[in-house]
């Protein structure tokens, strides 16, 4: 009778069966954190590229268009798919020697991590400022944009 009570055969298997879901959840959480960190870094790079493109434009309208196109292309090349993308260009300092700032906001879907119980999406944001060259000209602002 005592040998049956002290027998520990199969206990490692039972422990592994009980711990497997916890280990899988930890792995998914690590993947989630890594993907968010990677997406945030790529979004900051896209904001940097968009601000640089806006600072090279010759008019405010072109600065806004160039910034949006550059941010979209940078995110697409990085493999980041935004459910919604907003690119805000602050052109108050759009003059030679001034500063142009760009804010990029991207809503990233998390549906492929449904086992972790994460929400459907999260919003990431990054901004960057770039100086406008002091010795270059701009076109006249006729429309008052």
N, C-alpha and C. Protein backbone atom coordinates (compact mmCIF):
# COMPACT_ATOMS: atom_id res chain seq x y z
N UNK A 1 0.81 -1.19 0.00
CA UNK A 1 0.00 0.00 0.00
C UNK A 1 0.86 1.27 0.00
N UNK A 2 1.93 1.21 0.78
CA UNK A 2 2.81 2.36 0.87
C UNK A 2 3.50 2.65 -0.46
N UNK A 3 3.82 1.63 -1.23
CA UNK A 3 4.49 1.82 -2.51
C UNK A 3 3.59 2.55 -3.51
N UNK A 4 2.29 2.34 -3.43
CA UNK A 4 1.37 3.06 -4.32
C UNK A 4 1.29 4.54 -3.97
N UNK A 5 1.34 4.85 -2.70
CA UNK A 5 1.23 6.23 -2.25
C UNK A 5 2.51 7.01 -2.56
N UNK A 6 3.66 6.39 -2.48
CA UNK A 6 4.94 7.06 -2.73
C UNK A 6 5.37 6.99 -4.19
N UNK A 7 4.61 6.36 -5.02
CA UNK A 7 4.97 6.23 -6.44
C UNK A 7 4.77 7.57 -7.14
N UNK A 8 5.83 8.09 -7.77
CA UNK A 8 5.75 9.39 -8.43
C UNK A 8 5.85 9.28 -9.95
N UNK A 9 5.68 8.11 -10.48
CA UNK A 9 5.73 7.96 -11.92
C UNK A 9 4.57 8.72 -12.56
N UNK A 10 4.88 9.46 -13.61
CA UNK A 10 3.85 10.21 -14.33
C UNK A 10 3.60 11.61 -13.79
N UNK A 11 4.25 11.98 -12.69
CA UNK A 11 4.01 13.31 -12.13
C UNK A 11 4.62 14.40 -13.03
N UNK A 12 5.74 14.11 -13.66
CA UNK A 12 6.33 15.10 -14.56
C UNK A 12 5.42 15.35 -15.76
N UNK A 13 4.78 14.32 -16.25
CA UNK A 13 3.86 14.47 -17.36
C UNK A 13 2.65 15.31 -16.95
N UNK A 14 2.13 15.06 -15.78
CA UNK A 14 0.99 15.84 -15.30
C UNK A 14 1.37 17.30 -15.11
N UNK A 15 2.55 17.57 -14.57
CA UNK A 15 3.00 18.94 -14.40
C UNK A 15 3.18 19.64 -15.74
N UNK A 16 3.73 18.93 -16.70
CA UNK A 16 3.92 19.51 -18.03
C UNK A 16 2.58 19.83 -18.68
N UNK A 17 1.61 18.95 -18.52
CA UNK A 17 0.28 19.19 -19.09
C UNK A 17 -0.36 20.42 -18.45
N UNK A 18 -0.16 20.60 -17.17
CA UNK A 18 -0.73 21.76 -16.48
C UNK A 18 0.01 23.05 -16.81
N UNK A 19 1.31 22.99 -17.06
CA UNK A 19 2.10 24.19 -17.32
C UNK A 19 2.13 24.62 -18.79
N UNK A 20 1.81 23.73 -19.70
CA UNK A 20 1.87 24.05 -21.13
C UNK A 20 1.04 25.27 -21.51
N UNK A 21 -0.23 25.39 -21.09
CA UNK A 21 -0.98 26.60 -21.45
C UNK A 21 -0.35 27.89 -20.91
N UNK A 22 0.20 27.83 -19.72
CA UNK A 22 0.85 29.01 -19.15
C UNK A 22 2.09 29.38 -19.96
N UNK A 23 2.86 28.41 -20.37
CA UNK A 23 4.04 28.67 -21.18
C UNK A 23 3.67 29.23 -22.55
N UNK A 24 2.61 28.72 -23.13
CA UNK A 24 2.15 29.24 -24.43
C UNK A 24 1.70 30.69 -24.29
N UNK A 25 0.97 31.01 -23.21
CA UNK A 25 0.51 32.39 -22.99
C UNK A 25 1.72 33.33 -22.79
N UNK A 26 2.74 32.87 -22.08
CA UNK A 26 3.94 33.68 -21.89
C UNK A 26 4.64 33.92 -23.22
N UNK A 27 4.72 32.91 -24.05
CA UNK A 27 5.35 33.05 -25.37
C UNK A 27 4.58 34.04 -26.23
N UNK A 28 3.26 33.95 -26.24
CA UNK A 28 2.45 34.89 -27.01
C UNK A 28 2.59 36.31 -26.49
N UNK A 29 2.70 36.47 -25.19
CA UNK A 29 2.88 37.80 -24.62
C UNK A 29 4.24 38.39 -25.02
N UNK A 30 5.26 37.57 -25.03
CA UNK A 30 6.59 38.04 -25.46
C UNK A 30 6.55 38.44 -26.93
N UNK A 31 5.86 37.66 -27.75
CA UNK A 31 5.71 38.00 -29.17
C UNK A 31 4.95 39.32 -29.32
N UNK A 32 3.90 39.50 -28.54
CA UNK A 32 3.11 40.73 -28.57
C UNK A 32 3.98 41.94 -28.23
N UNK A 33 4.76 41.84 -27.15
CA UNK A 33 5.62 42.96 -26.75
C UNK A 33 6.69 43.25 -27.81
N UNK A 34 7.25 42.22 -28.39
CA UNK A 34 8.24 42.41 -29.43
C UNK A 34 7.68 43.05 -30.68
N UNK A 35 6.48 42.63 -31.05
CA UNK A 35 5.85 43.21 -32.24
C UNK A 35 5.51 44.68 -32.02
N UNK A 36 5.04 45.03 -30.83
CA UNK A 36 4.73 46.43 -30.56
C UNK A 36 5.99 47.29 -30.55
N UNK A 37 7.05 46.78 -29.97
CA UNK A 37 8.31 47.53 -29.95
C UNK A 37 8.84 47.73 -31.37
N UNK A 38 8.78 46.68 -32.18
CA UNK A 38 9.24 46.77 -33.56
C UNK A 38 8.39 47.75 -34.36
N UNK A 39 7.07 47.66 -34.20
CA UNK A 39 6.18 48.57 -34.92
C UNK A 39 6.41 50.02 -34.50
N UNK A 40 6.66 50.23 -33.22
CA UNK A 40 6.91 51.59 -32.74
C UNK A 40 8.20 52.15 -33.32
N UNK A 41 9.25 51.34 -33.39
CA UNK A 41 10.51 51.79 -34.00
C UNK A 41 10.34 52.11 -35.48
N UNK A 42 9.61 51.27 -36.17
CA UNK A 42 9.38 51.51 -37.60
C UNK A 42 8.51 52.74 -37.83
N UNK A 43 7.58 52.99 -36.92
CA UNK A 43 6.74 54.18 -37.01
C UNK A 43 7.57 55.44 -36.78
N UNK A 44 8.50 55.38 -35.84
CA UNK A 44 9.38 56.53 -35.62
C UNK A 44 10.26 56.79 -36.83
N UNK A 45 10.71 55.74 -37.49
CA UNK A 45 11.50 55.90 -38.71
C UNK A 45 10.65 56.53 -39.81
N UNK A 46 9.39 56.10 -39.91
CA UNK A 46 8.49 56.67 -40.92
C UNK A 46 8.24 58.16 -40.64
N UNK A 47 8.10 58.52 -39.37
CA UNK A 47 7.91 59.93 -39.01
C UNK A 47 9.16 60.74 -39.37
N UNK A 48 10.33 60.17 -39.15
CA UNK A 48 11.58 60.84 -39.51
C UNK A 48 11.66 61.07 -41.02
N UNK A 49 11.35 60.04 -41.79
CA UNK A 49 11.38 60.17 -43.25
C UNK A 49 10.34 61.17 -43.75
N UNK A 50 9.15 61.16 -43.14
CA UNK A 50 8.10 62.08 -43.55
C UNK A 50 8.48 63.53 -43.23
N UNK A 51 9.08 63.76 -42.08
CA UNK A 51 9.50 65.12 -41.72
C UNK A 51 10.59 65.61 -42.66
N UNK A 52 11.49 64.73 -43.02
CA UNK A 52 12.55 65.12 -43.96
C UNK A 52 11.96 65.45 -45.32
N UNK A 53 11.02 64.64 -45.78
CA UNK A 53 10.38 64.91 -47.08
C UNK A 53 9.61 66.23 -47.04
N UNK A 54 8.95 66.50 -45.94
CA UNK A 54 8.20 67.76 -45.82
C UNK A 54 9.14 68.96 -45.80
N UNK A 55 10.29 68.81 -45.17
CA UNK A 55 11.22 69.95 -45.10
C UNK A 55 11.87 70.24 -46.45
N UNK A 56 11.87 69.26 -47.35
CA UNK A 56 12.46 69.46 -48.67
C UNK A 56 11.46 70.02 -49.68
N UNK A 57 10.17 70.03 -49.34
CA UNK A 57 9.15 70.51 -50.27
C UNK A 57 9.26 72.03 -50.45
N UNK A 58 8.73 72.50 -51.57
CA UNK A 58 8.82 73.94 -51.87
C UNK A 58 7.57 74.71 -51.46
N UNK A 59 6.48 74.03 -51.14
CA UNK A 59 5.26 74.71 -50.70
C UNK A 59 4.63 73.91 -49.58
N UNK A 60 3.72 74.55 -48.84
CA UNK A 60 3.06 73.86 -47.72
C UNK A 60 2.19 72.71 -48.21
N UNK A 61 1.51 72.91 -49.32
CA UNK A 61 0.67 71.84 -49.86
C UNK A 61 1.52 70.63 -50.26
N UNK A 62 2.64 70.91 -50.93
CA UNK A 62 3.54 69.82 -51.31
C UNK A 62 4.14 69.15 -50.07
N UNK A 63 4.40 69.93 -49.03
CA UNK A 63 4.97 69.38 -47.80
C UNK A 63 4.00 68.38 -47.18
N UNK A 64 2.72 68.73 -47.13
CA UNK A 64 1.72 67.80 -46.58
C UNK A 64 1.59 66.54 -47.43
N UNK A 65 1.52 66.73 -48.75
CA UNK A 65 1.39 65.57 -49.65
C UNK A 65 2.62 64.68 -49.59
N UNK A 66 3.80 65.28 -49.62
CA UNK A 66 5.04 64.50 -49.58
C UNK A 66 5.18 63.74 -48.26
N UNK A 67 4.81 64.38 -47.17
CA UNK A 67 4.92 63.73 -45.87
C UNK A 67 4.00 62.52 -45.79
N UNK A 68 2.76 62.67 -46.25
CA UNK A 68 1.81 61.55 -46.20
C UNK A 68 2.26 60.41 -47.11
N UNK A 69 2.70 60.75 -48.32
CA UNK A 69 3.14 59.71 -49.25
C UNK A 69 4.39 58.99 -48.73
N UNK A 70 5.31 59.74 -48.15
CA UNK A 70 6.53 59.14 -47.64
C UNK A 70 6.25 58.25 -46.43
N UNK A 71 5.39 58.69 -45.53
CA UNK A 71 5.05 57.87 -44.35
C UNK A 71 4.35 56.58 -44.78
N UNK A 72 3.41 56.69 -45.72
CA UNK A 72 2.71 55.49 -46.21
C UNK A 72 3.68 54.51 -46.85
N UNK A 73 4.57 55.01 -47.68
CA UNK A 73 5.54 54.14 -48.35
C UNK A 73 6.52 53.52 -47.36
N UNK A 74 6.97 54.29 -46.39
CA UNK A 74 7.92 53.76 -45.40
C UNK A 74 7.29 52.66 -44.56
N UNK A 75 6.04 52.83 -44.16
CA UNK A 75 5.36 51.80 -43.38
C UNK A 75 5.08 50.57 -44.22
N UNK A 76 4.70 50.77 -45.47
CA UNK A 76 4.45 49.63 -46.35
C UNK A 76 5.73 48.84 -46.59
N UNK A 77 6.84 49.54 -46.82
CA UNK A 77 8.12 48.87 -47.03
C UNK A 77 8.59 48.13 -45.77
N UNK A 78 8.20 48.64 -44.59
CA UNK A 78 8.59 48.01 -43.33
C UNK A 78 7.68 46.84 -42.97
N UNK A 79 6.61 46.66 -43.72
CA UNK A 79 5.69 45.56 -43.44
C UNK A 79 4.66 45.87 -42.37
N UNK A 80 4.46 47.14 -42.07
CA UNK A 80 3.48 47.55 -41.07
C UNK A 80 2.18 47.90 -41.79
N UNK A 81 1.11 47.21 -41.44
CA UNK A 81 -0.19 47.48 -42.03
C UNK A 81 -1.03 48.26 -41.02
N UNK A 82 -1.37 49.47 -41.37
CA UNK A 82 -2.18 50.32 -40.49
C UNK A 82 -3.65 50.18 -40.86
N UNK A 83 -4.49 49.97 -39.85
CA UNK A 83 -5.93 49.99 -40.10
C UNK A 83 -6.37 51.40 -40.45
N UNK A 84 -5.76 52.38 -39.80
CA UNK A 84 -5.95 53.79 -40.17
C UNK A 84 -4.63 54.51 -39.96
N UNK A 85 -4.32 55.40 -40.87
CA UNK A 85 -3.07 56.15 -40.82
C UNK A 85 -3.38 57.64 -40.89
N UNK A 86 -2.85 58.39 -39.94
CA UNK A 86 -3.01 59.85 -39.93
C UNK A 86 -1.62 60.48 -39.90
N UNK A 87 -1.38 61.39 -40.83
CA UNK A 87 -0.12 62.11 -40.89
C UNK A 87 -0.44 63.59 -40.74
N UNK A 88 0.00 64.18 -39.65
CA UNK A 88 -0.25 65.59 -39.38
C UNK A 88 1.06 66.35 -39.56
N UNK A 89 1.02 67.37 -40.42
CA UNK A 89 2.21 68.17 -40.70
C UNK A 89 2.00 69.56 -40.11
N UNK A 90 2.88 69.96 -39.23
CA UNK A 90 2.81 71.29 -38.62
C UNK A 90 3.76 72.19 -39.40
N UNK A 91 3.18 73.08 -40.21
CA UNK A 91 3.97 73.91 -41.11
C UNK A 91 4.06 75.36 -40.64
N UNK A 92 3.84 75.61 -39.35
CA UNK A 92 3.92 76.99 -38.86
C UNK A 92 5.32 77.56 -39.07
N UNK A 93 6.33 76.71 -39.00
CA UNK A 93 7.71 77.17 -39.20
C UNK A 93 8.22 76.88 -40.59
N UNK A 94 7.32 76.76 -41.57
CA UNK A 94 7.73 76.42 -42.93
C UNK A 94 8.26 77.66 -43.63
N UNK A 95 9.53 77.92 -43.40
CA UNK A 95 10.25 79.02 -44.03
C UNK A 95 11.73 78.68 -43.93
N UNK A 96 12.56 79.27 -44.75
CA UNK A 96 13.99 78.98 -44.64
C UNK A 96 14.50 79.25 -43.22
N UNK A 97 15.12 78.25 -42.64
CA UNK A 97 15.62 78.36 -41.27
C UNK A 97 14.62 77.90 -40.22
N UNK A 98 13.39 77.61 -40.62
CA UNK A 98 12.35 77.17 -39.69
C UNK A 98 12.39 75.67 -39.47
N UNK A 99 11.37 75.18 -38.81
CA UNK A 99 11.27 73.75 -38.50
C UNK A 99 9.90 73.24 -38.90
N UNK A 100 9.88 72.09 -39.55
CA UNK A 100 8.64 71.41 -39.92
C UNK A 100 8.52 70.16 -39.04
N UNK A 101 7.37 69.99 -38.41
CA UNK A 101 7.14 68.82 -37.55
C UNK A 101 6.07 67.94 -38.16
N UNK A 102 6.26 66.64 -38.02
CA UNK A 102 5.31 65.67 -38.55
C UNK A 102 4.95 64.69 -37.45
N UNK A 103 3.66 64.42 -37.30
CA UNK A 103 3.19 63.41 -36.36
C UNK A 103 2.48 62.32 -37.15
N UNK A 104 2.90 61.08 -36.95
CA UNK A 104 2.31 59.93 -37.65
C UNK A 104 1.61 59.08 -36.61
N UNK A 105 0.32 58.80 -36.84
CA UNK A 105 -0.47 57.97 -35.95
C UNK A 105 -1.00 56.79 -36.75
N UNK A 106 -0.75 55.58 -36.24
CA UNK A 106 -1.13 54.36 -36.94
C UNK A 106 -1.89 53.45 -35.98
N UNK A 107 -3.02 52.94 -36.43
CA UNK A 107 -3.77 51.95 -35.67
C UNK A 107 -3.39 50.58 -36.20
N UNK A 108 -2.79 49.75 -35.33
CA UNK A 108 -2.28 48.44 -35.71
C UNK A 108 -3.23 47.37 -35.18
N UNK A 109 -3.62 46.44 -36.05
CA UNK A 109 -4.50 45.35 -35.66
C UNK A 109 -3.75 44.25 -34.91
N UNK A 110 -4.42 43.66 -33.94
CA UNK A 110 -3.82 42.59 -33.15
C UNK A 110 -4.62 41.30 -33.25
N UNK A 111 -5.37 41.15 -34.31
CA UNK A 111 -6.28 40.01 -34.42
C UNK A 111 -5.55 38.67 -34.51
N UNK A 112 -4.30 38.67 -34.97
CA UNK A 112 -3.58 37.41 -35.07
C UNK A 112 -3.08 36.91 -33.72
N UNK A 113 -3.22 37.71 -32.67
CA UNK A 113 -2.88 37.28 -31.33
C UNK A 113 -4.14 37.08 -30.48
N UNK A 114 -5.18 36.55 -31.10
CA UNK A 114 -6.47 36.41 -30.43
C UNK A 114 -6.40 35.45 -29.24
N UNK A 115 -5.51 34.48 -29.27
CA UNK A 115 -5.40 33.53 -28.15
C UNK A 115 -4.97 34.22 -26.86
N UNK A 116 -4.29 35.34 -26.98
CA UNK A 116 -3.82 36.06 -25.81
C UNK A 116 -4.91 36.93 -25.20
N UNK A 117 -5.99 37.12 -25.91
CA UNK A 117 -7.08 37.95 -25.40
C UNK A 117 -6.79 39.43 -25.49
N UNK A 118 -5.95 39.83 -26.43
CA UNK A 118 -5.62 41.24 -26.61
C UNK A 118 -6.78 41.95 -27.31
N UNK A 119 -6.86 43.26 -27.13
CA UNK A 119 -7.90 44.00 -27.84
C UNK A 119 -7.70 43.92 -29.35
N UNK A 120 -8.68 44.33 -30.11
CA UNK A 120 -8.63 44.22 -31.56
C UNK A 120 -7.57 45.06 -32.22
N UNK A 121 -7.20 46.19 -31.61
CA UNK A 121 -6.19 47.05 -32.22
C UNK A 121 -5.60 47.96 -31.15
N UNK A 122 -4.47 48.56 -31.49
CA UNK A 122 -3.85 49.55 -30.62
C UNK A 122 -3.32 50.69 -31.48
N UNK A 123 -3.26 51.86 -30.90
CA UNK A 123 -2.85 53.04 -31.64
C UNK A 123 -1.43 53.43 -31.24
N UNK A 124 -0.57 53.57 -32.23
CA UNK A 124 0.81 53.99 -32.01
C UNK A 124 1.02 55.36 -32.64
N UNK A 125 1.87 56.15 -32.04
CA UNK A 125 2.10 57.49 -32.54
C UNK A 125 3.58 57.85 -32.41
N UNK A 126 4.08 58.61 -33.38
CA UNK A 126 5.46 59.08 -33.35
C UNK A 126 5.52 60.44 -34.03
N UNK A 127 6.45 61.26 -33.58
CA UNK A 127 6.61 62.57 -34.20
C UNK A 127 8.09 62.87 -34.38
N UNK A 128 8.35 63.74 -35.34
CA UNK A 128 9.72 64.13 -35.62
C UNK A 128 9.71 65.53 -36.22
N UNK A 129 10.75 66.28 -35.95
CA UNK A 129 10.91 67.62 -36.52
C UNK A 129 12.17 67.66 -37.36
N UNK A 130 12.08 68.41 -38.45
CA UNK A 130 13.22 68.53 -39.35
C UNK A 130 13.40 70.00 -39.74
N UNK A 131 14.63 70.48 -39.76
CA UNK A 131 14.86 71.88 -40.11
C UNK A 131 14.72 72.09 -41.62
N UNK A 132 14.24 73.27 -41.96
CA UNK A 132 14.17 73.68 -43.36
C UNK A 132 15.46 74.41 -43.67
N UNK A 133 16.08 74.09 -44.79
CA UNK A 133 17.37 74.68 -45.16
C UNK A 133 17.28 76.20 -45.19
N UNK A 134 18.23 76.85 -44.58
CA UNK A 134 18.24 78.31 -44.49
C UNK A 134 18.44 78.97 -45.84
N UNK A 135 19.18 78.34 -46.75
CA UNK A 135 19.55 78.97 -48.01
C UNK A 135 18.77 78.46 -49.19
N UNK A 136 17.55 78.12 -49.02
CA UNK A 136 16.74 77.70 -50.17
C UNK A 136 15.46 78.51 -50.19
N UNK A 137 14.87 78.59 -51.35
CA UNK A 137 13.65 79.37 -51.50
C UNK A 137 12.42 78.50 -51.38
N UNK A 138 11.29 79.15 -51.18
CA UNK A 138 9.99 78.48 -51.16
C UNK A 138 9.08 79.20 -52.14
N UNK A 139 8.01 78.54 -52.51
CA UNK A 139 7.04 79.23 -53.35
C UNK A 139 6.15 80.08 -52.47
N UNK A 140 5.56 81.09 -53.04
CA UNK A 140 4.70 81.97 -52.30
C UNK A 140 3.44 81.25 -51.85
N UNK A 141 2.97 81.53 -50.66
CA UNK A 141 1.76 80.92 -50.12
C UNK A 141 0.57 81.74 -50.57
N UNK A 142 -0.02 81.39 -51.71
CA UNK A 142 -1.10 82.15 -52.29
C UNK A 142 -2.43 81.76 -51.67
N UNK A 143 -2.62 80.46 -51.37
CA UNK A 143 -3.92 79.98 -50.90
C UNK A 143 -4.14 80.15 -49.42
N UNK A 144 -3.15 80.49 -48.64
CA UNK A 144 -3.31 80.66 -47.20
C UNK A 144 -3.53 79.33 -46.50
N UNK A 145 -2.84 78.27 -46.91
CA UNK A 145 -3.00 76.95 -46.30
C UNK A 145 -2.48 76.95 -44.96
